[in-house]
Amino acid sequence: TGTGAMVAGIAASLLATAIGGLPLLLPRPAARDSATVPLLAMALRFLVVVVLAVALALSGLVPVAPTLLWLALSYLVLLAAEAAFTARAVVQKGV
């Protein structure tokens, strides 16, 4: 149903955002690696959301088009939140 697709898409984006934020919460790396932490977080989030999108699309549990639409919309909204969190982490931790 449409509601199931909405829940699945938003849940996938939330999970990807949570997993993608983990590198920013880890202890501060060496100075030479500090610039890669925000990039690693972004790449990890994207990788997780792609894997979850493919899994949801192939599972047949929810309609594909509405699920991917909700996934994309929630991904964009959470991208803004993640960017703010990343900027704050860079300033506070010197990541």
Protein backbone atom coordinates (compact mmCIF):
# COMPACT_ATOMS: atom_id res chain seq x y z
CA THR A 1 0.00 0.00 0.00
CA GLY A 2 0.94 3.63 -0.21
CA THR A 3 1.36 3.92 3.55
CA GLY A 4 3.64 0.90 3.65
CA ALA A 5 5.73 2.39 0.86
CA MET A 6 5.98 5.67 2.76
CA VAL A 7 7.05 3.97 5.97
CA ALA A 8 9.58 1.75 4.18
CA GLY A 9 11.11 4.64 2.21
CA ILE A 10 11.42 6.95 5.20
CA ALA A 11 12.74 4.16 7.43
CA ALA A 12 15.42 3.31 4.87
CA SER A 13 16.51 6.95 4.71
CA LEU A 14 16.57 7.25 8.51
CA LEU A 15 18.64 4.10 8.84
CA ALA A 16 21.08 5.28 6.17
CA THR A 17 21.40 8.65 7.89
CA ALA A 18 22.04 7.04 11.26
CA ILE A 19 24.69 4.70 9.85
CA GLY A 20 26.24 7.49 7.80
CA GLY A 21 26.61 9.65 10.90
CA LEU A 22 28.66 7.04 12.77
CA PRO A 23 32.06 8.12 11.38
CA LEU A 24 31.39 11.62 12.73
CA LEU A 25 30.78 10.28 16.23
CA LEU A 26 33.97 8.24 16.42
CA PRO A 27 37.05 9.66 18.17
CA ARG A 28 38.98 12.25 16.24
CA PRO A 29 41.32 10.71 13.63
CA ALA A 30 44.86 11.73 12.84
CA ALA A 31 45.23 15.19 11.33
CA ARG A 32 46.06 13.90 7.86
CA ASP A 33 42.85 11.83 7.75
CA SER A 34 40.53 14.44 9.20
CA ALA A 35 39.30 15.72 5.82
CA THR A 36 38.14 12.28 4.78
CA VAL A 37 35.75 11.76 7.71
CA PRO A 38 32.89 13.91 6.32
CA LEU A 39 33.39 12.35 2.88
CA LEU A 40 33.33 8.87 4.39
CA ALA A 41 30.08 9.69 6.20
CA MET A 42 28.48 10.92 2.99
CA ALA A 43 29.66 7.93 0.96
CA LEU A 44 28.57 5.47 3.64
CA ARG A 45 25.11 7.03 3.80
CA PHE A 46 24.73 6.88 0.03
CA LEU A 47 25.93 3.27 -0.12
CA VAL A 48 23.51 2.18 2.61
CA VAL A 49 20.55 3.92 0.98
CA VAL A 50 21.34 2.36 -2.41
CA VAL A 51 21.58 -1.12 -0.89
CA LEU A 52 18.31 -0.62 1.01
CA ALA A 53 16.57 0.78 -2.08
CA VAL A 54 17.60 -2.23 -4.17
CA ALA A 55 16.55 -4.60 -1.39
CA LEU A 56 13.15 -2.94 -1.05
CA ALA A 57 12.61 -2.87 -4.81
CA LEU A 58 13.48 -6.53 -5.23
CA SER A 59 11.63 -7.76 -2.14
CA GLY A 60 8.16 -7.24 -3.55
CA LEU A 61 6.84 -6.37 -0.10
CA VAL A 62 5.96 -2.80 -1.05
CA PRO A 63 5.13 -1.07 -4.34
CA VAL A 64 8.37 -0.03 -5.99
CA ALA A 65 7.55 3.42 -7.43
CA PRO A 66 5.99 4.96 -4.27
CA THR A 67 8.71 3.45 -2.10
CA LEU A 68 11.48 4.93 -4.21
CA LEU A 69 9.68 8.27 -4.34
CA TRP A 70 9.40 8.43 -0.55
CA LEU A 71 12.97 7.24 -0.21
CA ALA A 72 14.22 10.03 -2.48
CA LEU A 73 12.14 12.73 -0.80
CA SER A 74 13.17 11.71 2.69
CA TYR A 75 16.79 11.34 1.56
CA LEU A 76 16.82 14.97 0.40
CA VAL A 77 15.23 16.25 3.59
CA LEU A 78 17.61 14.26 5.78
CA LEU A 79 20.53 15.37 3.62
CA ALA A 80 20.00 18.92 4.84
CA ALA A 81 19.91 17.71 8.45
CA GLU A 82 23.04 15.63 7.91
CA ALA A 83 24.86 18.58 6.35
CA ALA A 84 24.07 20.72 9.41
CA PHE A 85 25.20 17.92 11.75
CA THR A 86 28.40 17.42 9.77
CA ALA A 87 29.19 21.14 9.77
CA ARG A 88 28.65 21.28 13.53
CA ALA A 89 30.87 18.20 14.05
CA VAL A 90 33.63 19.70 11.91
CA VAL A 91 33.59 22.94 13.88
CA GLN A 92 33.34 21.33 17.34
CA LYS A 93 35.69 18.39 16.91
CA GLY A 94 37.92 19.83 14.27
CA VAL A 95 37.16 16.79 12.15
